[in-house]
Amino acid sequence: MDKPRMTEGQLRRARKLIRRLCANYDEGNCLALDEGEGCVCVQSISYSLLCRYFKEAVLPADAELCAAIGQGADDLKRCRSCGKPFQARSNRALYCPRCAAFEQRKKTRERVRRHRGQM
């Protein structure tokens, strides 16, 4: 099975996440791989998803990046409003969480206008 590959922009975002949130990251080294000598954090230098801790604990903090690289292509949907990929919580989801609230308000406005017009 092929490992997901990141683009340059995704790798930069992943590095920022690693430096900020990874509990095993210490000044460029990985404490989980450290056995006496410093070992470079492989996730910060690779375009592939290699580190299990990164995938399970660090990557979910950035939902957009997680949707773009963390899941299989079958699990992703494109938002009808903004076009960005997102992780759908159900098979009926059409919008990403950010656009869903806006679309819900918009549809409520239209429904209330129609209702007021009938009175």
PDB file of N, CA and C in Angstrom:
ATOM      1  N   MET A   1       0.840  -1.188   0.000  1.00  0.00           N
ATOM      2  CA  MET A   1       0.000   0.000   0.000  1.00  0.00           C
ATOM      3  C   MET A   1       0.880   1.244   0.000  1.00  0.00           C
ATOM      4  N   ASP A   2       0.583   2.195  -0.851  1.00  0.00           N
ATOM      5  CA  ASP A   2       1.352   3.428  -0.939  1.00  0.00           C
ATOM      6  C   ASP A   2       1.042   4.328   0.243  1.00  0.00           C
ATOM      7  N   LYS A   3       2.089   4.954   0.748  1.00  0.00           N
ATOM      8  CA  LYS A   3       1.904   5.918   1.825  1.00  0.00           C
ATOM      9  C   LYS A   3       1.487   7.252   1.212  1.00  0.00           C
ATOM     10  N   PRO A   4       0.609   8.000   1.883  1.00  0.00           N
ATOM     11  CA  PRO A   4       0.211   9.309   1.358  1.00  0.00           C
ATOM     12  C   PRO A   4       1.424  10.233   1.243  1.00  0.00           C
ATOM     13  N   ARG A   5       1.506  10.992   0.167  1.00  0.00           N
ATOM     14  CA  ARG A   5       2.597  11.934  -0.057  1.00  0.00           C
ATOM     15  C   ARG A   5       2.084  13.358   0.167  1.00  0.00           C
ATOM     16  N   MET A   6       2.933  14.183   0.742  1.00  0.00           N
ATOM     17  CA  MET A   6       2.571  15.572   1.004  1.00  0.00           C
ATOM     18  C   MET A   6       3.202  16.486  -0.042  1.00  0.00           C
ATOM     19  N   THR A   7       2.542  17.584  -0.305  1.00  0.00           N
ATOM     20  CA  THR A   7       3.120  18.622  -1.150  1.00  0.00           C
ATOM     21  C   THR A   7       4.052  19.468  -0.281  1.00  0.00           C
ATOM     22  N   GLU A   8       4.770  20.389  -0.903  1.00  0.00           N
ATOM     23  CA  GLU A   8       5.690  21.249  -0.154  1.00  0.00           C
ATOM     24  C   GLU A   8       4.942  22.082   0.893  1.00  0.00           C
ATOM     25  N   GLY A   9       3.797  22.632   0.520  1.00  0.00           N
ATOM     26  CA  GLY A   9       3.012  23.434   1.461  1.00  0.00           C
ATOM     27  C   GLY A   9       2.493  22.606   2.625  1.00  0.00           C
ATOM     28  N   GLN A  10       2.047  21.395   2.334  1.00  0.00           N
ATOM     29  CA  GLN A  10       1.559  20.511   3.392  1.00  0.00           C
ATOM     30  C   GLN A  10       2.697  20.129   4.329  1.00  0.00           C
ATOM     31  N   LEU A  11       3.894  19.899   3.771  1.00  0.00           N
ATOM     32  CA  LEU A  11       5.046  19.553   4.601  1.00  0.00           C
ATOM     33  C   LEU A  11       5.397  20.705   5.536  1.00  0.00           C
ATOM     34  N   ARG A  12       5.337  21.941   5.026  1.00  0.00           N
ATOM     35  CA  ARG A  12       5.614  23.102   5.884  1.00  0.00           C
ATOM     36  C   ARG A  12       4.616  23.193   7.031  1.00  0.00           C
ATOM     37  N   ARG A  13       3.332  22.981   6.719  1.00  0.00           N
ATOM     38  CA  ARG A  13       2.301  23.015   7.772  1.00  0.00           C
ATOM     39  C   ARG A  13       2.516  21.889   8.775  1.00  0.00           C
ATOM     40  N   ALA A  14       2.906  20.713   8.283  1.00  0.00           N
ATOM     41  CA  ALA A  14       3.160  19.571   9.168  1.00  0.00           C
ATOM     42  C   ALA A  14       4.343  19.862  10.089  1.00  0.00           C
ATOM     43  N   ARG A  15       5.390  20.480   9.552  1.00  0.00           N
ATOM     44  CA  ARG A  15       6.555  20.823  10.384  1.00  0.00           C
ATOM     45  C   ARG A  15       6.167  21.792  11.498  1.00  0.00           C
ATOM     46  N   LYS A  16       5.328  22.772  11.164  1.00  0.00           N
ATOM     47  CA  LYS A  16       4.873  23.719  12.192  1.00  0.00           C
ATOM     48  C   LYS A  16       4.094  22.992  13.281  1.00  0.00           C
ATOM     49  N   LEU A  17       3.228  22.063  12.867  1.00  0.00           N
ATOM     50  CA  LEU A  17       2.466  21.281  13.845  1.00  0.00           C
ATOM     51  C   LEU A  17       3.394  20.461  14.729  1.00  0.00           C
ATOM     52  N   ILE A  18       4.383  19.829  14.116  1.00  0.00           N
ATOM     53  CA  ILE A  18       5.321  18.987  14.864  1.00  0.00           C
ATOM     54  C   ILE A  18       6.057  19.820  15.897  1.00  0.00           C
ATOM     55  N   ARG A  19       6.600  20.960  15.473  1.00  0.00           N
ATOM     56  CA  ARG A  19       7.347  21.810  16.411  1.00  0.00           C
ATOM     57  C   ARG A  19       6.467  22.308  17.550  1.00  0.00           C
ATOM     58  N   ARG A  20       5.195  22.578  17.248  1.00  0.00           N
ATOM     59  CA  ARG A  20       4.298  23.155  18.248  1.00  0.00           C
ATOM     60  C   ARG A  20       3.645  22.114  19.149  1.00  0.00           C
ATOM     61  N   LEU A  21       3.248  20.950  18.592  1.00  0.00           N
ATOM     62  CA  LEU A  21       2.395  20.034  19.344  1.00  0.00           C
ATOM     63  C   LEU A  21       2.973  18.659  19.657  1.00  0.00           C
ATOM     64  N   CYS A  22       3.995  18.231  18.937  1.00  0.00           N
ATOM     65  CA  CYS A  22       4.484  16.862  19.127  1.00  0.00           C
ATOM     66  C   CYS A  22       5.235  16.731  20.452  1.00  0.00           C
ATOM     67  N   ALA A  23       4.794  15.804  21.278  1.00  0.00           N
ATOM     68  CA  ALA A  23       5.417  15.588  22.584  1.00  0.00           C
ATOM     69  C   ALA A  23       6.780  14.912  22.454  1.00  0.00           C
ATOM     70  N   ASN A  24       7.035  14.252  21.338  1.00  0.00           N
ATOM     71  CA  ASN A  24       8.302  13.548  21.131  1.00  0.00           C
ATOM     72  C   ASN A  24       9.356  14.404  20.441  1.00  0.00           C
ATOM     73  N   TYR A  25       9.012  15.613  20.040  1.00  0.00           N
ATOM     74  CA  TYR A  25       9.937  16.489  19.307  1.00  0.00           C
ATOM     75  C   TYR A  25      10.747  17.318  20.288  1.00  0.00           C
ATOM     76  N   ASP A  26      12.079  17.284  20.142  1.00  0.00           N
ATOM     77  CA  ASP A  26      12.959  18.058  21.011  1.00  0.00           C
ATOM     78  C   ASP A  26      14.115  18.610  20.183  1.00  0.00           C
ATOM     79  N   GLU A  27      14.032  19.880  19.811  1.00  0.00           N
ATOM     80  CA  GLU A  27      15.082  20.565  19.058  1.00  0.00           C
ATOM     81  C   GLU A  27      15.516  19.786  17.816  1.00  0.00           C
ATOM     82  N   GLY A  28      14.566  19.321  17.038  1.00  0.00           N
ATOM     83  CA  GLY A  28      14.870  18.617  15.795  1.00  0.00           C
ATOM     84  C   GLY A  28      15.026  17.118  15.943  1.00  0.00           C
ATOM     85  N   ASN A  29      15.069  16.637  17.167  1.00  0.00           N
ATOM     86  CA  ASN A  29      15.245  15.205  17.405  1.00  0.00           C
ATOM     87  C   ASN A  29      13.953  14.563  17.884  1.00  0.00           C
ATOM     88  N   CYS A  30      13.838  13.269  17.650  1.00  0.00           N
ATOM     89  CA  CYS A  30      12.665  12.515  18.076  1.00  0.00           C
ATOM     90  C   CYS A  30      13.014  11.722  19.327  1.00  0.00           C
ATOM     91  N   LEU A  31      12.322  11.993  20.415  1.00  0.00           N
ATOM     92  CA  LEU A  31      12.593  11.293  21.669  1.00  0.00           C
ATOM     93  C   LEU A  31      12.141   9.840  21.621  1.00  0.00           C
ATOM     94  N   ALA A  32      11.128   9.540  20.806  1.00  0.00           N
ATOM     95  CA  ALA A  32      10.638   8.163  20.703  1.00  0.00           C
ATOM     96  C   ALA A  32      11.671   7.262  20.033  1.00  0.00           C
ATOM     97  N   LEU A  33      12.463   7.808  19.130  1.00  0.00           N
ATOM     98  CA  LEU A  33      13.481   7.019  18.433  1.00  0.00           C
ATOM     99  C   LEU A  33      14.842   7.100  19.111  1.00  0.00           C
ATOM    100  N   ASP A  34      14.969   7.999  20.074  1.00  0.00           N
ATOM    101  CA  ASP A  34      16.246   8.250  20.739  1.00  0.00           C
ATOM    102  C   ASP A  34      16.626   7.079  21.638  1.00  0.00           C
ATOM    103  N   GLU A  35      17.800   6.504  21.378  1.00  0.00           N
ATOM    104  CA  GLU A  35      18.321   5.431  22.234  1.00  0.00           C
ATOM    105  C   GLU A  35      19.734   5.792  22.666  1.00  0.00           C
ATOM    106  N   GLY A  36      19.885   6.933  23.287  1.00  0.00           N
ATOM    107  CA  GLY A  36      21.196   7.373  23.731  1.00  0.00           C
ATOM    108  C   GLY A  36      21.767   8.471  22.855  1.00  0.00           C
ATOM    109  N   GLU A  37      21.613   8.348  21.557  1.00  0.00           N
ATOM    110  CA  GLU A  37      22.078   9.369  20.626  1.00  0.00           C
ATOM    111  C   GLU A  37      20.885  10.094  20.030  1.00  0.00           C
ATOM    112  N   GLY A  38      21.089  11.322  19.628  1.00  0.00           N
ATOM    113  CA  GLY A  38      20.020  12.076  18.995  1.00  0.00           C
ATOM    114  C   GLY A  38      19.662  11.487  17.636  1.00  0.00           C
ATOM    115  N   CYS A  39      18.376  11.402  17.368  1.00  0.00           N
ATOM    116  CA  CYS A  39      17.893  10.866  16.095  1.00  0.00           C
ATOM    117  C   CYS A  39      16.952  11.901  15.480  1.00  0.00           C
ATOM    118  N   VAL A  40      17.217  12.272  14.243  1.00  0.00           N
ATOM    119  CA  VAL A  40      16.412  13.291  13.570  1.00  0.00           C
ATOM    120  C   VAL A  40      14.966  12.819  13.461  1.00  0.00           C
ATOM    121  N   CYS A  41      14.043  13.747  13.677  1.00  0.00           N
ATOM    122  CA  CYS A  41      12.617  13.450  13.553  1.00  0.00           C
ATOM    123  C   CYS A  41      12.307  13.162  12.084  1.00  0.00           C
ATOM    124  N   VAL A  42      11.984  11.908  11.767  1.00  0.00           N
ATOM    125  CA  VAL A  42      11.782  11.511  10.371  1.00  0.00           C
ATOM    126  C   VAL A  42      10.569  12.178   9.751  1.00  0.00           C
ATOM    127  N   GLN A  43       9.553  12.468  10.534  1.00  0.00           N
ATOM    128  CA  GLN A  43       8.351  13.073   9.973  1.00  0.00           C
ATOM    129  C   GLN A  43       8.613  14.500   9.511  1.00  0.00           C
ATOM    130  N   SER A  44       9.557  15.179  10.126  1.00  0.00           N
ATOM    131  CA  SER A  44       9.831  16.566   9.741  1.00  0.00           C
ATOM    132  C   SER A  44      10.690  16.670   8.483  1.00  0.00           C
ATOM    133  N   ILE A  45      11.273  15.565   8.004  1.00  0.00           N
ATOM    134  CA  ILE A  45      12.114  15.622   6.805  1.00  0.00           C
ATOM    135  C   ILE A  45      11.558  14.798   5.654  1.00  0.00           C
ATOM    136  N   SER A  46      10.444  14.111   5.846  1.00  0.00           N
ATOM    137  CA  SER A  46       9.910  13.220   4.818  1.00  0.00           C
ATOM    138  C   SER A  46       8.584  13.729   4.265  1.00  0.00           C
ATOM    139  N   TYR A  47       8.360  13.491   2.982  1.00  0.00           N
ATOM    140  CA  TYR A  47       7.097  13.849   2.343  1.00  0.00           C
ATOM    141  C   TYR A  47       6.035  12.771   2.554  1.00  0.00           C
ATOM    142  N   SER A  48       6.416  11.640   3.118  1.00  0.00           N
ATOM    143  CA  SER A  48       5.472  10.553   3.390  1.00  0.00           C
ATOM    144  C   SER A  48       5.043  10.609   4.847  1.00  0.00           C
ATOM    145  N   LEU A  49       3.899  10.007   5.137  1.00  0.00           N
ATOM    146  CA  LEU A  49       3.460   9.896   6.526  1.00  0.00           C
ATOM    147  C   LEU A  49       4.108   8.650   7.117  1.00  0.00           C
ATOM    148  N   LEU A  50       5.096   8.850   7.976  1.00  0.00           N
ATOM    149  CA  LEU A  50       5.837   7.729   8.526  1.00  0.00           C
ATOM    150  C   LEU A  50       5.577   7.509  10.012  1.00  0.00           C
ATOM    151  N   CYS A  51       5.425   8.567  10.752  1.00  0.00           N
ATOM    152  CA  CYS A  51       5.327   8.489  12.207  1.00  0.00           C
ATOM    153  C   CYS A  51       3.882   8.229  12.647  1.00  0.00           C
ATOM    154  N   ARG A  52       3.699   7.132  13.361  1.00  0.00           N
ATOM    155  CA  ARG A  52       2.361   6.769  13.826  1.00  0.00           C
ATOM    156  C   ARG A  52       1.838   7.772  14.859  1.00  0.00           C
ATOM    157  N   TYR A  53       2.713   8.238  15.738  1.00  0.00           N
ATOM    158  CA  TYR A  53       2.305   9.218  16.744  1.00  0.00           C
ATOM    159  C   TYR A  53       1.827  10.507  16.076  1.00  0.00           C
ATOM    160  N   PHE A  54       2.530  10.939  15.037  1.00  0.00           N
ATOM    161  CA  PHE A  54       2.127  12.142  14.308  1.00  0.00           C
ATOM    162  C   PHE A  54       0.741  11.959  13.707  1.00  0.00           C
ATOM    163  N   LYS A  55       0.496  10.822  13.060  1.00  0.00           N
ATOM    164  CA  LYS A  55      -0.800  10.573  12.418  1.00  0.00           C
ATOM    165  C   LYS A  55      -1.939  10.533  13.425  1.00  0.00           C
ATOM    166  N   GLU A  56      -1.705   9.932  14.586  1.00  0.00           N
ATOM    167  CA  GLU A  56      -2.788   9.712  15.545  1.00  0.00           C
ATOM    168  C   GLU A  56      -2.987  10.855  16.531  1.00  0.00           C
ATOM    169  N   ALA A  57      -1.918  11.558  16.908  1.00  0.00           N
ATOM    170  CA  ALA A  57      -2.032  12.557  17.969  1.00  0.00           C
ATOM    171  C   ALA A  57      -1.845  13.997  17.497  1.00  0.00           C
ATOM    172  N   VAL A  58      -0.964  14.229  16.549  1.00  0.00           N
ATOM    173  CA  VAL A  58      -0.631  15.599  16.157  1.00  0.00           C
ATOM    174  C   VAL A  58      -1.458  16.066  14.962  1.00  0.00           C
ATOM    175  N   LEU A  59      -1.575  15.241  13.938  1.00  0.00           N
ATOM    176  CA  LEU A  59      -2.262  15.624  12.699  1.00  0.00           C
ATOM    177  C   LEU A  59      -3.733  16.005  12.890  1.00  0.00           C
ATOM    178  N   PRO A  60      -4.512  15.343  13.764  1.00  0.00           N
ATOM    179  CA  PRO A  60      -5.919  15.743  13.934  1.00  0.00           C
ATOM    180  C   PRO A  60      -6.122  17.175  14.446  1.00  0.00           C
ATOM    181  N   ALA A  61      -5.080  17.812  14.955  1.00  0.00           N
ATOM    182  CA  ALA A  61      -5.206  19.191  15.431  1.00  0.00           C
ATOM    183  C   ALA A  61      -5.460  20.167  14.278  1.00  0.00           C
ATOM    184  N   ASP A  62      -5.025  19.829  13.076  1.00  0.00           N
ATOM    185  CA  ASP A  62      -5.268  20.656  11.888  1.00  0.00           C
ATOM    186  C   ASP A  62      -6.223  19.885  10.985  1.00  0.00           C
ATOM    187  N   ALA A  63      -7.507  20.180  11.094  1.00  0.00           N
ATOM    188  CA  ALA A  63      -8.531  19.401  10.391  1.00  0.00           C
ATOM    189  C   ALA A  63      -8.372  19.451   8.878  1.00  0.00           C
ATOM    190  N   GLU A  64      -8.017  20.609   8.345  1.00  0.00           N
ATOM    191  CA  GLU A  64      -7.885  20.731   6.887  1.00  0.00           C
ATOM    192  C   GLU A  64      -6.707  19.911   6.371  1.00  0.00           C
ATOM    193  N   LEU A  65      -5.577  19.981   7.063  1.00  0.00           N
ATOM    194  CA  LEU A  65      -4.408  19.193   6.666  1.00  0.00           C
ATOM    195  C   LEU A  65      -4.685  17.710   6.837  1.00  0.00           C
ATOM    196  N   CYS A  66      -5.374  17.361   7.904  1.00  0.00           N
ATOM    197  CA  CYS A  66      -5.745  15.964   8.151  1.00  0.00           C
ATOM    198  C   CYS A  66      -6.631  15.445   7.031  1.00  0.00           C
ATOM    199  N   ALA A  67      -7.578  16.247   6.602  1.00  0.00           N
ATOM    200  CA  ALA A  67      -8.469  15.834   5.517  1.00  0.00           C
ATOM    201  C   ALA A  67      -7.709  15.692   4.209  1.00  0.00           C
ATOM    202  N   ALA A  68      -6.730  16.558   3.984  1.00  0.00           N
ATOM    203  CA  ALA A  68      -5.992  16.534   2.724  1.00  0.00           C
ATOM    204  C   ALA A  68      -5.018  15.369   2.630  1.00  0.00           C
ATOM    205  N   ILE A  69      -4.337  15.024   3.732  1.00  0.00           N
ATOM    206  CA  ILE A  69      -3.328  13.967   3.645  1.00  0.00           C
ATOM    207  C   ILE A  69      -3.553  12.802   4.587  1.00  0.00           C
ATOM    208  N   GLY A  70      -4.287  13.025   5.659  1.00  0.00           N
ATOM    209  CA  GLY A  70      -4.388  12.002   6.684  1.00  0.00           C
ATOM    210  C   GLY A  70      -5.342  10.876   6.378  1.00  0.00           C
ATOM    211  N   GLN A  71      -6.280  11.090   5.520  1.00  0.00           N
ATOM    212  CA  GLN A  71      -7.288  10.086   5.214  1.00  0.00           C
ATOM    213  C   GLN A  71      -7.144   9.653   3.772  1.00  0.00           C
ATOM    214  N   GLY A  72      -7.758   8.542   3.437  1.00  0.00           N
ATOM    215  CA  GLY A  72      -7.769   8.080   2.057  1.00  0.00           C
ATOM    216  C   GLY A  72      -8.632   8.985   1.205  1.00  0.00           C
ATOM    217  N   ALA A  73      -8.429   8.940  -0.093  1.00  0.00           N
ATOM    218  CA  ALA A  73      -9.182   9.806  -1.001  1.00  0.00           C
ATOM    219  C   ALA A  73     -10.670   9.471  -0.980  1.00  0.00           C
ATOM    220  N   ASP A  74     -11.032   8.234  -0.623  1.00  0.00           N
ATOM    221  CA  ASP A  74     -12.431   7.838  -0.581  1.00  0.00           C
ATOM    222  C   ASP A  74     -13.179   8.525   0.556  1.00  0.00           C
ATOM    223  N   ASP A  75     -12.471   8.880   1.625  1.00  0.00           N
ATOM    224  CA  ASP A  75     -13.101   9.462   2.800  1.00  0.00           C
ATOM    225  C   ASP A  75     -13.316  10.969   2.674  1.00  0.00           C
ATOM    226  N   LEU A  76     -12.738  11.591   1.662  1.00  0.00           N
ATOM    227  CA  LEU A  76     -12.809  13.038   1.532  1.00  0.00           C
ATOM    228  C   LEU A  76     -13.951  13.461   0.626  1.00  0.00           C
ATOM    229  N   LYS A  77     -14.519  14.591   0.959  1.00  0.00           N
ATOM    230  CA  LYS A  77     -15.520  15.220   0.105  1.00  0.00           C
ATOM    231  C   LYS A  77     -15.065  16.645  -0.136  1.00  0.00           C
ATOM    232  N   ARG A  78     -15.533  17.232  -1.214  1.00  0.00           N
ATOM    233  CA  ARG A  78     -15.236  18.629  -1.511  1.00  0.00           C
ATOM    234  C   ARG A  78     -16.435  19.473  -1.116  1.00  0.00           C
ATOM    235  N   CYS A  79     -16.168  20.562  -0.448  1.00  0.00           N
ATOM    236  CA  CYS A  79     -17.218  21.486  -0.027  1.00  0.00           C
ATOM    237  C   CYS A  79     -17.837  22.138  -1.257  1.00  0.00           C
ATOM    238  N   ARG A  80     -19.159  22.184  -1.313  1.00  0.00           N
ATOM    239  CA  ARG A  80     -19.841  22.804  -2.453  1.00  0.00           C
ATOM    240  C   ARG A  80     -19.657  24.309  -2.478  1.00  0.00           C
ATOM    241  N   SER A  81     -19.389  24.891  -1.340  1.00  0.00           N
ATOM    242  CA  SER A  81     -19.266  26.341  -1.261  1.00  0.00           C
ATOM    243  C   SER A  81     -17.836  26.818  -1.548  1.00  0.00           C
ATOM    244  N   CYS A  82     -16.863  26.310  -0.797  1.00  0.00           N
ATOM    245  CA  CYS A  82     -15.486  26.801  -0.944  1.00  0.00           C
ATOM    246  C   CYS A  82     -14.593  25.869  -1.759  1.00  0.00           C
ATOM    247  N   GLY A  83     -14.990  24.613  -1.927  1.00  0.00           N
ATOM    248  CA  GLY A  83     -14.226  23.677  -2.741  1.00  0.00           C
ATOM    249  C   GLY A  83     -13.086  22.980  -2.025  1.00  0.00           C
ATOM    250  N   LYS A  84     -12.882  23.254  -0.747  1.00  0.00           N
ATOM    251  CA  LYS A  84     -11.788  22.617  -0.013  1.00  0.00           C
ATOM    252  C   LYS A  84     -12.194  21.207   0.413  1.00  0.00           C
ATOM    253  N   PRO A  85     -11.224  20.287   0.488  1.00  0.00           N
ATOM    254  CA  PRO A  85     -11.549  18.931   0.946  1.00  0.00           C
ATOM    255  C   PRO A  85     -11.825  18.929   2.451  1.00  0.00           C
ATOM    256  N   PHE A  86     -12.754  18.075   2.881  1.00  0.00           N
ATOM    257  CA  PHE A  86     -13.050  17.953   4.302  1.00  0.00           C
ATOM    258  C   PHE A  86     -13.458  16.523   4.618  1.00  0.00           C
ATOM    259  N   GLN A  87     -13.337  16.167   5.880  1.00  0.00           N
ATOM    260  CA  GLN A  87     -13.714  14.841   6.356  1.00  0.00           C
ATOM    261  C   GLN A  87     -15.200  14.870   6.687  1.00  0.00           C
ATOM    262  N   ALA A  88     -16.002  14.145   5.920  1.00  0.00           N
ATOM    263  CA  ALA A  88     -17.448  14.135   6.129  1.00  0.00           C
ATOM    264  C   ALA A  88     -17.797  13.270   7.335  1.00  0.00           C
ATOM    265  N   ARG A  89     -18.714  13.751   8.153  1.00  0.00           N
ATOM    266  CA  ARG A  89     -19.165  12.979   9.312  1.00  0.00           C
ATOM    267  C   ARG A  89     -20.309  12.053   8.952  1.00  0.00           C
ATOM    268  N   SER A  90     -20.967  12.324   7.825  1.00  0.00           N
ATOM    269  CA  SER A  90     -22.043  11.459   7.351  1.00  0.00           C
ATOM    270  C   SER A  90     -22.011  11.441   5.831  1.00  0.00           C
ATOM    271  N   ASN A  91     -22.785  10.547   5.247  1.00  0.00           N
ATOM    272  CA  ASN A  91     -22.789  10.466   3.791  1.00  0.00           C
ATOM    273  C   ASN A  91     -23.624  11.586   3.161  1.00  0.00           C
ATOM    274  N   ARG A  92     -24.340  12.361   3.964  1.00  0.00           N
ATOM    275  CA  ARG A  92     -25.180  13.449   3.452  1.00  0.00           C
ATOM    276  C   ARG A  92     -24.489  14.809   3.506  1.00  0.00           C
ATOM    277  N   ALA A  93     -23.297  14.878   4.043  1.00  0.00           N
ATOM    278  CA  ALA A  93     -22.606  16.157   4.201  1.00  0.00           C
ATOM    279  C   ALA A  93     -22.265  16.762   2.842  1.00  0.00           C
ATOM    280  N   LEU A  94     -22.575  18.044   2.679  1.00  0.00           N
ATOM    281  CA  LEU A  94     -22.285  18.756   1.435  1.00  0.00           C
ATOM    282  C   LEU A  94     -21.267  19.870   1.639  1.00  0.00           C
ATOM    283  N   TYR A  95     -21.179  20.390   2.868  1.00  0.00           N
ATOM    284  CA  TYR A  95     -20.342  21.541   3.144  1.00  0.00           C
ATOM    285  C   TYR A  95     -19.356  21.228   4.265  1.00  0.00           C
ATOM    286  N   CYS A  96     -18.201  21.910   4.232  1.00  0.00           N
ATOM    287  CA  CYS A  96     -17.240  21.789   5.326  1.00  0.00           C
ATOM    288  C   CYS A  96     -17.859  22.454   6.564  1.00  0.00           C
ATOM    289  N   PRO A  97     -17.377  22.161   7.758  1.00  0.00           N
ATOM    290  CA  PRO A  97     -17.979  22.735   8.970  1.00  0.00           C
ATOM    291  C   PRO A  97     -18.040  24.265   8.958  1.00  0.00           C
ATOM    292  N   ARG A  98     -17.041  24.909   8.381  1.00  0.00           N
ATOM    293  CA  ARG A  98     -17.017  26.370   8.347  1.00  0.00           C
ATOM    294  C   ARG A  98     -18.150  26.920   7.471  1.00  0.00           C
ATOM    295  N   CYS A  99     -18.344  26.312   6.299  1.00  0.00           N
ATOM    296  CA  CYS A  99     -19.378  26.786   5.370  1.00  0.00           C
ATOM    297  C   CYS A  99     -20.767  26.288   5.760  1.00  0.00           C
ATOM    298  N   ALA A 100     -20.844  25.185   6.499  1.00  0.00           N
ATOM    299  CA  ALA A 100     -22.138  24.604   6.854  1.00  0.00           C
ATOM    300  C   ALA A 100     -22.972  25.581   7.679  1.00  0.00           C
ATOM    301  N   ALA A 101     -22.340  26.259   8.629  1.00  0.00           N
ATOM    302  CA  ALA A 101     -23.071  27.219   9.463  1.00  0.00           C
ATOM    303  C   ALA A 101     -23.595  28.375   8.613  1.00  0.00           C
ATOM    304  N   PHE A 102     -22.771  28.879   7.702  1.00  0.00           N
ATOM    305  CA  PHE A 102     -23.195  29.971   6.823  1.00  0.00           C
ATOM    306  C   PHE A 102     -24.351  29.534   5.931  1.00  0.00           C
ATOM    307  N   GLU A 103     -24.255  28.354   5.339  1.00  0.00           N
ATOM    308  CA  GLU A 103     -25.305  27.850   4.449  1.00  0.00           C
ATOM    309  C   GLU A 103     -26.610  27.610   5.215  1.00  0.00           C
ATOM    310  N   GLN A 104     -26.499  27.147   6.457  1.00  0.00           N
ATOM    311  CA  GLN A 104     -27.692  26.913   7.270  1.00  0.00           C
ATOM    312  C   GLN A 104     -28.409  28.236   7.550  1.00  0.00           C
ATOM    313  N   ARG A 105     -27.652  29.281   7.898  1.00  0.00           N
ATOM    314  CA  ARG A 105     -28.255  30.602   8.127  1.00  0.00           C
ATOM    315  C   ARG A 105     -28.898  31.132   6.851  1.00  0.00           C
ATOM    316  N   LYS A 106     -28.233  30.939   5.726  1.00  0.00           N
ATOM    317  CA  LYS A 106     -28.755  31.409   4.441  1.00  0.00           C
ATOM    318  C   LYS A 106     -30.074  30.716   4.096  1.00  0.00           C
ATOM    319  N   LYS A 107     -30.138  29.414   4.281  1.00  0.00           N
ATOM    320  CA  LYS A 107     -31.363  28.669   3.975  1.00  0.00           C
ATOM    321  C   LYS A 107     -32.488  29.031   4.943  1.00  0.00           C
ATOM    322  N   THR A 108     -32.149  29.284   6.200  1.00  0.00           N
ATOM    323  CA  THR A 108     -33.150  29.704   7.176  1.00  0.00           C
ATOM    324  C   THR A 108     -33.726  31.059   6.781  1.00  0.00           C
ATOM    325  N   ARG A 109     -32.864  31.984   6.364  1.00  0.00           N
ATOM    326  CA  ARG A 109     -33.337  33.299   5.904  1.00  0.00           C
ATOM    327  C   ARG A 109     -34.320  33.160   4.752  1.00  0.00           C
ATOM    328  N   GLU A 110     -33.961  32.327   3.770  1.00  0.00           N
ATOM    329  CA  GLU A 110     -34.836  32.139   2.605  1.00  0.00           C
ATOM    330  C   GLU A 110     -36.173  31.517   3.005  1.00  0.00           C
ATOM    331  N   ARG A 111     -36.128  30.526   3.888  1.00  0.00           N
ATOM    332  CA  ARG A 111     -37.352  29.857   4.326  1.00  0.00           C
ATOM    333  C   ARG A 111     -38.266  30.823   5.076  1.00  0.00           C
ATOM    334  N   VAL A 112     -37.710  31.648   5.948  1.00  0.00           N
ATOM    335  CA  VAL A 112     -38.498  32.611   6.717  1.00  0.00           C
ATOM    336  C   VAL A 112     -39.080  33.678   5.797  1.00  0.00           C
ATOM    337  N   ARG A 113     -38.318  34.121   4.794  1.00  0.00           N
ATOM    338  CA  ARG A 113     -38.847  35.096   3.827  1.00  0.00           C
ATOM    339  C   ARG A 113     -40.041  34.537   3.076  1.00  0.00           C
ATOM    340  N   ARG A 114     -39.933  33.289   2.632  1.00  0.00           N
ATOM    341  CA  ARG A 114     -41.063  32.664   1.927  1.00  0.00           C
ATOM    342  C   ARG A 114     -42.278  32.555   2.839  1.00  0.00           C
ATOM    343  N   HIS A 115     -42.046  32.201   4.088  1.00  0.00           N
ATOM    344  CA  HIS A 115     -43.135  32.061   5.048  1.00  0.00           C
ATOM    345  C   HIS A 115     -43.814  33.408   5.293  1.00  0.00           C
ATOM    346  N   ARG A 116     -43.026  34.473   5.438  1.00  0.00           N
ATOM    347  CA  ARG A 116     -43.590  35.808   5.662  1.00  0.00           C
ATOM    348  C   ARG A 116     -44.369  36.291   4.447  1.00  0.00           C
ATOM    349  N   GLY A 117     -43.927  35.910   3.256  1.00  0.00           N
ATOM    350  CA  GLY A 117     -44.603  36.319   2.033  1.00  0.00           C
ATOM    351  C   GLY A 117     -45.967  35.672   1.870  1.00  0.00           C
ATOM    352  N   GLN A 118     -46.186  34.525   2.493  1.00  0.00           N
ATOM    353  CA  GLN A 118     -47.463  33.815   2.385  1.00  0.00           C
ATOM    354  C   GLN A 118     -48.517  34.390   3.316  1.00  0.00           C
ATOM    355  N   MET A 119     -48.113  35.170   4.290  1.00  0.00           N
ATOM    356  CA  MET A 119     -49.069  35.706   5.264  1.00  0.00           C
ATOM    357  C   MET A 119     -49.857  36.840   4.712  1.00  0.00           C
TER     358      MET A 119
END
